[in-house]
């Protein structure tokens, strides 16, 4: 699997999960957080899409997401 396919797959998994749980915030900011997390992991040698996605979700949840996204999840 090429790096591009790996990134696309990991991103889709993470995005879909966050969307289904109602945690996804503004698209541009959310995409940047997920892609930055995936890129950082790729630099360490990680290539498993599910692992990339799971850690990107963790990074997203630990980021300073917009308040509206946090409130929507809690309320």
PDB file of N, CA and C in Angstrom:
ATOM      1  N   UNK A   1       0.856  -1.174   0.000  1.00  0.00           N
ATOM      2  CA  UNK A   1       0.000   0.000   0.000  1.00  0.00           C
ATOM      3  C   UNK A   1       0.900   1.235   0.000  1.00  0.00           C
ATOM      4  N   UNK A   2       0.624   2.176  -0.881  1.00  0.00           N
ATOM      5  CA  UNK A   2       1.419   3.393  -0.957  1.00  0.00           C
ATOM      6  C   UNK A   2       1.150   4.287   0.253  1.00  0.00           C
ATOM      7  N   UNK A   3       2.065   5.205   0.494  1.00  0.00           N
ATOM      8  CA  UNK A   3       1.898   6.143   1.611  1.00  0.00           C
ATOM      9  C   UNK A   3       0.611   6.941   1.423  1.00  0.00           C
ATOM     10  N   UNK A   4       0.343   7.352   0.197  1.00  0.00           N
ATOM     11  CA  UNK A   4      -0.872   8.128  -0.066  1.00  0.00           C
ATOM     12  C   UNK A   4      -2.127   7.341   0.313  1.00  0.00           C
ATOM     13  N   UNK A   5      -2.182   6.085  -0.074  1.00  0.00           N
ATOM     14  CA  UNK A   5      -3.335   5.242   0.257  1.00  0.00           C
ATOM     15  C   UNK A   5      -3.433   5.015   1.758  1.00  0.00           C
ATOM     16  N   UNK A   6      -2.289   4.862   2.395  1.00  0.00           N
ATOM     17  CA  UNK A   6      -2.262   4.670   3.841  1.00  0.00           C
ATOM     18  C   UNK A   6      -2.827   5.889   4.555  1.00  0.00           C
ATOM     19  N   UNK A   7      -2.381   7.075   4.127  1.00  0.00           N
ATOM     20  CA  UNK A   7      -2.861   8.320   4.734  1.00  0.00           C
ATOM     21  C   UNK A   7      -4.362   8.485   4.491  1.00  0.00           C
ATOM     22  N   UNK A   8      -4.795   8.252   3.266  1.00  0.00           N
ATOM     23  CA  UNK A   8      -6.215   8.383   2.942  1.00  0.00           C
ATOM     24  C   UNK A   8      -7.063   7.425   3.771  1.00  0.00           C
ATOM     25  N   UNK A   9      -6.608   6.211   3.910  1.00  0.00           N
ATOM     26  CA  UNK A   9      -7.351   5.212   4.666  1.00  0.00           C
ATOM     27  C   UNK A   9      -7.433   5.596   6.144  1.00  0.00           C
ATOM     28  N   UNK A  10      -6.297   5.966   6.730  1.00  0.00           N
ATOM     29  CA  UNK A  10      -6.264   6.358   8.140  1.00  0.00           C
ATOM     30  C   UNK A  10      -7.134   7.587   8.382  1.00  0.00           C
ATOM     31  N   UNK A  11      -7.043   8.558   7.493  1.00  0.00           N
ATOM     32  CA  UNK A  11      -7.830   9.776   7.627  1.00  0.00           C
ATOM     33  C   UNK A  11      -9.320   9.453   7.556  1.00  0.00           C
ATOM     34  N   UNK A  12      -9.721   8.638   6.602  1.00  0.00           N
ATOM     35  CA  UNK A  12     -11.130   8.277   6.447  1.00  0.00           C
ATOM     36  C   UNK A  12     -11.663   7.556   7.677  1.00  0.00           C
ATOM     37  N   UNK A  13     -10.864   6.638   8.223  1.00  0.00           N
ATOM     38  CA  UNK A  13     -11.282   5.907   9.422  1.00  0.00           C
ATOM     39  C   UNK A  13     -11.504   6.885  10.574  1.00  0.00           C
ATOM     40  N   UNK A  14     -10.517   7.749  10.813  1.00  0.00           N
ATOM     41  CA  UNK A  14     -10.601   8.704  11.924  1.00  0.00           C
ATOM     42  C   UNK A  14     -11.756   9.679  11.720  1.00  0.00           C
ATOM     43  N   UNK A  15     -11.871  10.224  10.529  1.00  0.00           N
ATOM     44  CA  UNK A  15     -12.924  11.206  10.232  1.00  0.00           C
ATOM     45  C   UNK A  15     -14.306  10.579  10.422  1.00  0.00           C
ATOM     46  N   UNK A  16     -14.500   9.396   9.872  1.00  0.00           N
ATOM     47  CA  UNK A  16     -15.796   8.721   9.969  1.00  0.00           C
ATOM     48  C   UNK A  16     -16.159   8.440  11.422  1.00  0.00           C
ATOM     49  N   UNK A  17     -15.197   7.983  12.185  1.00  0.00           N
ATOM     50  CA  UNK A  17     -15.451   7.703  13.597  1.00  0.00           C
ATOM     51  C   UNK A  17     -15.860   8.959  14.344  1.00  0.00           C
ATOM     52  N   UNK A  18     -15.095  10.019  14.184  1.00  0.00           N
ATOM     53  CA  UNK A  18     -15.398  11.266  14.889  1.00  0.00           C
ATOM     54  C   UNK A  18     -16.730  11.854  14.440  1.00  0.00           C
ATOM     55  N   UNK A  19     -17.041  11.696  13.177  1.00  0.00           N
ATOM     56  CA  UNK A  19     -18.319  12.189  12.657  1.00  0.00           C
ATOM     57  C   UNK A  19     -19.482  11.408  13.281  1.00  0.00           C
ATOM     58  N   UNK A  20     -19.345  10.087  13.358  1.00  0.00           N
ATOM     59  CA  UNK A  20     -20.409   9.250  13.914  1.00  0.00           C
ATOM     60  C   UNK A  20     -20.619   9.486  15.404  1.00  0.00           C
ATOM     61  N   UNK A  21     -19.557   9.842  16.111  1.00  0.00           N
ATOM     62  CA  UNK A  21     -19.685  10.075  17.550  1.00  0.00           C
ATOM     63  C   UNK A  21     -20.094  11.510  17.864  1.00  0.00           C
ATOM     64  N   UNK A  22     -20.173  12.358  16.835  1.00  0.00           N
ATOM     65  CA  UNK A  22     -20.571  13.742  17.042  1.00  0.00           C
ATOM     66  C   UNK A  22     -19.455  14.626  17.571  1.00  0.00           C
ATOM     67  N   UNK A  23     -18.240  14.153  17.517  1.00  0.00           N
ATOM     68  CA  UNK A  23     -17.110  14.903  18.053  1.00  0.00           C
ATOM     69  C   UNK A  23     -16.442  15.807  17.022  1.00  0.00           C
ATOM     70  N   UNK A  24     -16.765  15.628  15.773  1.00  0.00           N
ATOM     71  CA  UNK A  24     -16.092  16.361  14.707  1.00  0.00           C
ATOM     72  C   UNK A  24     -16.463  17.829  14.747  1.00  0.00           C
ATOM     73  N   UNK A  25     -15.462  18.682  14.728  1.00  0.00           N
ATOM     74  CA  UNK A  25     -15.667  20.125  14.739  1.00  0.00           C
ATOM     75  C   UNK A  25     -15.621  20.684  13.331  1.00  0.00           C
ATOM     76  N   UNK A  26     -15.221  21.947  13.204  1.00  0.00           N
ATOM     77  CA  UNK A  26     -15.129  22.577  11.889  1.00  0.00           C
ATOM     78  C   UNK A  26     -14.207  21.769  10.961  1.00  0.00           C
ATOM     79  N   UNK A  27     -14.636  21.549   9.729  1.00  0.00           N
ATOM     80  CA  UNK A  27     -13.898  20.670   8.823  1.00  0.00           C
ATOM     81  C   UNK A  27     -12.420  21.017   8.629  1.00  0.00           C
ATOM     82  N   UNK A  28     -12.104  22.276   8.382  1.00  0.00           N
ATOM     83  CA  UNK A  28     -10.703  22.630   8.120  1.00  0.00           C
ATOM     84  C   UNK A  28      -9.814  22.365   9.321  1.00  0.00           C
ATOM     85  N   UNK A  29     -10.234  22.816  10.481  1.00  0.00           N
ATOM     86  CA  UNK A  29      -9.434  22.622  11.695  1.00  0.00           C
ATOM     87  C   UNK A  29      -9.332  21.140  12.041  1.00  0.00           C
ATOM     88  N   UNK A  30     -10.419  20.432  11.912  1.00  0.00           N
ATOM     89  CA  UNK A  30     -10.426  19.005  12.222  1.00  0.00           C
ATOM     90  C   UNK A  30      -9.491  18.233  11.291  1.00  0.00           C
ATOM     91  N   UNK A  31      -9.568  18.534  10.017  1.00  0.00           N
ATOM     92  CA  UNK A  31      -8.706  17.863   9.043  1.00  0.00           C
ATOM     93  C   UNK A  31      -7.240  18.131   9.343  1.00  0.00           C
ATOM     94  N   UNK A  32      -6.917  19.362   9.686  1.00  0.00           N
ATOM     95  CA  UNK A  32      -5.524  19.702   9.978  1.00  0.00           C
ATOM     96  C   UNK A  32      -4.998  18.929  11.180  1.00  0.00           C
ATOM     97  N   UNK A  33      -5.798  18.828  12.224  1.00  0.00           N
ATOM     98  CA  UNK A  33      -5.383  18.095  13.426  1.00  0.00           C
ATOM     99  C   UNK A  33      -5.138  16.628  13.087  1.00  0.00           C
ATOM    100  N   UNK A  34      -6.070  16.015  12.364  1.00  0.00           N
ATOM    101  CA  UNK A  34      -5.929  14.606  12.016  1.00  0.00           C
ATOM    102  C   UNK A  34      -4.720  14.370  11.113  1.00  0.00           C
ATOM    103  N   UNK A  35      -4.568  15.197  10.100  1.00  0.00           N
ATOM    104  CA  UNK A  35      -3.446  15.014   9.172  1.00  0.00           C
ATOM    105  C   UNK A  35      -2.108  15.259   9.844  1.00  0.00           C
ATOM    106  N   UNK A  36      -2.031  16.235  10.723  1.00  0.00           N
ATOM    107  CA  UNK A  36      -0.778  16.485  11.457  1.00  0.00           C
ATOM    108  C   UNK A  36      -0.408  15.280  12.312  1.00  0.00           C
ATOM    109  N   UNK A  37      -1.400  14.692  12.964  1.00  0.00           N
ATOM    110  CA  UNK A  37      -1.145  13.518  13.803  1.00  0.00           C
ATOM    111  C   UNK A  37      -0.699  12.325  12.964  1.00  0.00           C
ATOM    112  N   UNK A  38      -1.341  12.127  11.834  1.00  0.00           N
ATOM    113  CA  UNK A  38      -0.965  11.028  10.940  1.00  0.00           C
ATOM    114  C   UNK A  38       0.444  11.242  10.407  1.00  0.00           C
ATOM    115  N   UNK A  39       0.750  12.460   9.988  1.00  0.00           N
ATOM    116  CA  UNK A  39       2.079  12.766   9.460  1.00  0.00           C
ATOM    117  C   UNK A  39       3.163  12.522  10.509  1.00  0.00           C
ATOM    118  N   UNK A  40       2.911  12.927  11.738  1.00  0.00           N
ATOM    119  CA  UNK A  40       3.897  12.732  12.809  1.00  0.00           C
ATOM    120  C   UNK A  40       4.181  11.245  13.021  1.00  0.00           C
ATOM    121  N   UNK A  41       3.143  10.440  12.949  1.00  0.00           N
ATOM    122  CA  UNK A  41       3.331   9.000  13.125  1.00  0.00           C
ATOM    123  C   UNK A  41       4.074   8.373  11.951  1.00  0.00           C
ATOM    124  N   UNK A  42       3.789   8.857  10.745  1.00  0.00           N
ATOM    125  CA  UNK A  42       4.488   8.338   9.575  1.00  0.00           C
ATOM    126  C   UNK A  42       5.990   8.583   9.693  1.00  0.00           C
ATOM    127  N   UNK A  43       6.357   9.711  10.277  1.00  0.00           N
ATOM    128  CA  UNK A  43       7.779  10.037  10.441  1.00  0.00           C
ATOM    129  C   UNK A  43       8.478   9.087  11.412  1.00  0.00           C
ATOM    130  N   UNK A  44       7.701   8.433  12.282  1.00  0.00           N
ATOM    131  CA  UNK A  44       8.284   7.468  13.214  1.00  0.00           C
ATOM    132  C   UNK A  44       8.298   6.056  12.627  1.00  0.00           C
ATOM    133  N   UNK A  45       7.727   5.907  11.444  1.00  0.00           N
ATOM    134  CA  UNK A  45       7.736   4.614  10.771  1.00  0.00           C
ATOM    135  C   UNK A  45       6.433   3.837  10.836  1.00  0.00           C
ATOM    136  N   UNK A  46       5.442   4.364  11.510  1.00  0.00           N
ATOM    137  CA  UNK A  46       4.152   3.666  11.595  1.00  0.00           C
ATOM    138  C   UNK A  46       3.473   3.672  10.228  1.00  0.00           C
ATOM    139  N   UNK A  47       2.969   2.505   9.806  1.00  0.00           N
ATOM    140  CA  UNK A  47       2.315   2.406   8.501  1.00  0.00           C
ATOM    141  C   UNK A  47       0.972   1.698   8.560  1.00  0.00           C
ATOM    142  N   UNK A  48       0.554   1.258   9.719  1.00  0.00           N
ATOM    143  CA  UNK A  48      -0.729   0.548   9.839  1.00  0.00           C
ATOM    144  C   UNK A  48      -1.853   1.574   9.911  1.00  0.00           C
ATOM    145  N   UNK A  49      -2.761   1.561   8.925  1.00  0.00           N
ATOM    146  CA  UNK A  49      -3.829   2.571   8.876  1.00  0.00           C
ATOM    147  C   UNK A  49      -4.682   2.653  10.138  1.00  0.00           C
ATOM    148  N   UNK A  50      -5.026   1.522  10.728  1.00  0.00           N
ATOM    149  CA  UNK A  50      -5.875   1.555  11.919  1.00  0.00           C
ATOM    150  C   UNK A  50      -5.136   2.178  13.104  1.00  0.00           C
ATOM    151  N   UNK A  51      -3.868   1.871  13.243  1.00  0.00           N
ATOM    152  CA  UNK A  51      -3.075   2.470  14.318  1.00  0.00           C
ATOM    153  C   UNK A  51      -2.937   3.976  14.082  1.00  0.00           C
ATOM    154  N   UNK A  52      -2.679   4.366  12.839  1.00  0.00           N
ATOM    155  CA  UNK A  52      -2.592   5.793  12.508  1.00  0.00           C
ATOM    156  C   UNK A  52      -3.905   6.495  12.848  1.00  0.00           C
ATOM    157  N   UNK A  53      -5.013   5.876  12.495  1.00  0.00           N
ATOM    158  CA  UNK A  53      -6.332   6.469  12.758  1.00  0.00           C
ATOM    159  C   UNK A  53      -6.598   6.588  14.246  1.00  0.00           C
ATOM    160  N   UNK A  54      -6.332   5.524  14.985  1.00  0.00           N
ATOM    161  CA  UNK A  54      -6.600   5.553  16.424  1.00  0.00           C
ATOM    162  C   UNK A  54      -5.785   6.631  17.134  1.00  0.00           C
ATOM    163  N   UNK A  55      -4.537   6.750  16.776  1.00  0.00           N
ATOM    164  CA  UNK A  55      -3.708   7.771  17.420  1.00  0.00           C
ATOM    165  C   UNK A  55      -4.086   9.174  16.958  1.00  0.00           C
ATOM    166  N   UNK A  56      -4.564   9.299  15.728  1.00  0.00           N
ATOM    167  CA  UNK A  56      -5.043  10.601  15.250  1.00  0.00           C
ATOM    168  C   UNK A  56      -6.314  10.998  16.007  1.00  0.00           C
ATOM    169  N   UNK A  57      -7.179  10.036  16.291  1.00  0.00           N
ATOM    170  CA  UNK A  57      -8.388  10.301  17.079  1.00  0.00           C
ATOM    171  C   UNK A  57      -7.994  10.758  18.483  1.00  0.00           C
ATOM    172  N   UNK A  58      -7.035  10.078  19.082  1.00  0.00           N
ATOM    173  CA  UNK A  58      -6.555  10.488  20.410  1.00  0.00           C
ATOM    174  C   UNK A  58      -5.996  11.901  20.375  1.00  0.00           C
ATOM    175  N   UNK A  59      -5.204  12.202  19.350  1.00  0.00           N
ATOM    176  CA  UNK A  59      -4.624  13.546  19.223  1.00  0.00           C
ATOM    177  C   UNK A  59      -5.732  14.581  19.058  1.00  0.00           C
ATOM    178  N   UNK A  60      -6.763  14.242  18.285  1.00  0.00           N
ATOM    179  CA  UNK A  60      -7.889  15.149  18.086  1.00  0.00           C
ATOM    180  C   UNK A  60      -8.607  15.410  19.396  1.00  0.00           C
ATOM    181  N   UNK A  61      -8.849  14.356  20.130  1.00  0.00           N
ATOM    182  CA  UNK A  61      -9.558  14.500  21.408  1.00  0.00           C
ATOM    183  C   UNK A  61      -8.741  15.307  22.422  1.00  0.00           C
ATOM    184  N   UNK A  62      -7.428  15.231  22.327  1.00  0.00           N
ATOM    185  CA  UNK A  62      -6.562  15.953  23.259  1.00  0.00           C
ATOM    186  C   UNK A  62      -6.200  17.355  22.786  1.00  0.00           C
ATOM    187  N   UNK A  63      -6.616  17.710  21.596  1.00  0.00           N
ATOM    188  CA  UNK A  63      -6.305  19.035  21.054  1.00  0.00           C
ATOM    189  C   UNK A  63      -7.265  20.075  21.620  1.00  0.00           C
ATOM    190  N   UNK A  64      -6.998  21.296  21.339  1.00  0.00           N
ATOM    191  CA  UNK A  64      -7.895  22.388  21.741  1.00  0.00           C
ATOM    192  C   UNK A  64      -8.966  22.566  20.679  1.00  0.00           C
ATOM    193  N   UNK A  65      -9.874  21.596  20.643  1.00  0.00           N
ATOM    194  CA  UNK A  65     -10.966  21.681  19.680  1.00  0.00           C
ATOM    195  C   UNK A  65     -11.860  22.860  20.020  1.00  0.00           C
ATOM    196  N   UNK A  66     -12.581  23.341  19.026  1.00  0.00           N
ATOM    197  CA  UNK A  66     -13.514  24.435  19.296  1.00  0.00           C
ATOM    198  C   UNK A  66     -14.531  24.042  20.362  1.00  0.00           C
ATOM    199  N   UNK A  67     -14.918  24.982  21.159  1.00  0.00           N
ATOM    200  CA  UNK A  67     -15.844  24.775  22.269  1.00  0.00           C
ATOM    201  C   UNK A  67     -17.161  24.153  21.793  1.00  0.00           C
ATOM    202  N   UNK A  68     -17.631  24.544  20.655  1.00  0.00           N
ATOM    203  CA  UNK A  68     -18.913  24.021  20.146  1.00  0.00           C
ATOM    204  C   UNK A  68     -18.861  22.512  19.966  1.00  0.00           C
ATOM    205  N   UNK A  69     -17.743  21.995  19.497  1.00  0.00           N
ATOM    206  CA  UNK A  69     -17.628  20.554  19.290  1.00  0.00           C
ATOM    207  C   UNK A  69     -17.637  19.821  20.627  1.00  0.00           C
ATOM    208  N   UNK A  70     -16.961  20.385  21.621  1.00  0.00           N
ATOM    209  CA  UNK A  70     -16.943  19.768  22.945  1.00  0.00           C
ATOM    210  C   UNK A  70     -18.335  19.787  23.569  1.00  0.00           C
ATOM    211  N   UNK A  71     -19.020  20.905  23.439  1.00  0.00           N
ATOM    212  CA  UNK A  71     -20.358  21.009  24.017  1.00  0.00           C
ATOM    213  C   UNK A  71     -21.334  20.066  23.345  1.00  0.00           C
ATOM    214  N   UNK A  72     -21.215  19.911  22.037  1.00  0.00           N
ATOM    215  CA  UNK A  72     -22.106  19.021  21.305  1.00  0.00           C
ATOM    216  C   UNK A  72     -21.921  17.574  21.773  1.00  0.00           C
ATOM    217  N   UNK A  73     -20.689  17.210  22.049  1.00  0.00           N
ATOM    218  CA  UNK A  73     -20.418  15.860  22.504  1.00  0.00           C
ATOM    219  C   UNK A  73     -20.962  15.622  23.902  1.00  0.00           C
ATOM    220  N   UNK A  74     -20.855  16.617  24.749  1.00  0.00           N
ATOM    221  CA  UNK A  74     -21.293  16.467  26.133  1.00  0.00           C
ATOM    222  C   UNK A  74     -22.793  16.641  26.304  1.00  0.00           C
ATOM    223  N   UNK A  75     -23.384  17.387  25.423  1.00  0.00           N
ATOM    224  CA  UNK A  75     -24.737  17.723  25.705  1.00  0.00           C
ATOM    225  C   UNK A  75     -25.757  17.286  24.792  1.00  0.00           C
TER     226      UNK A  75
END
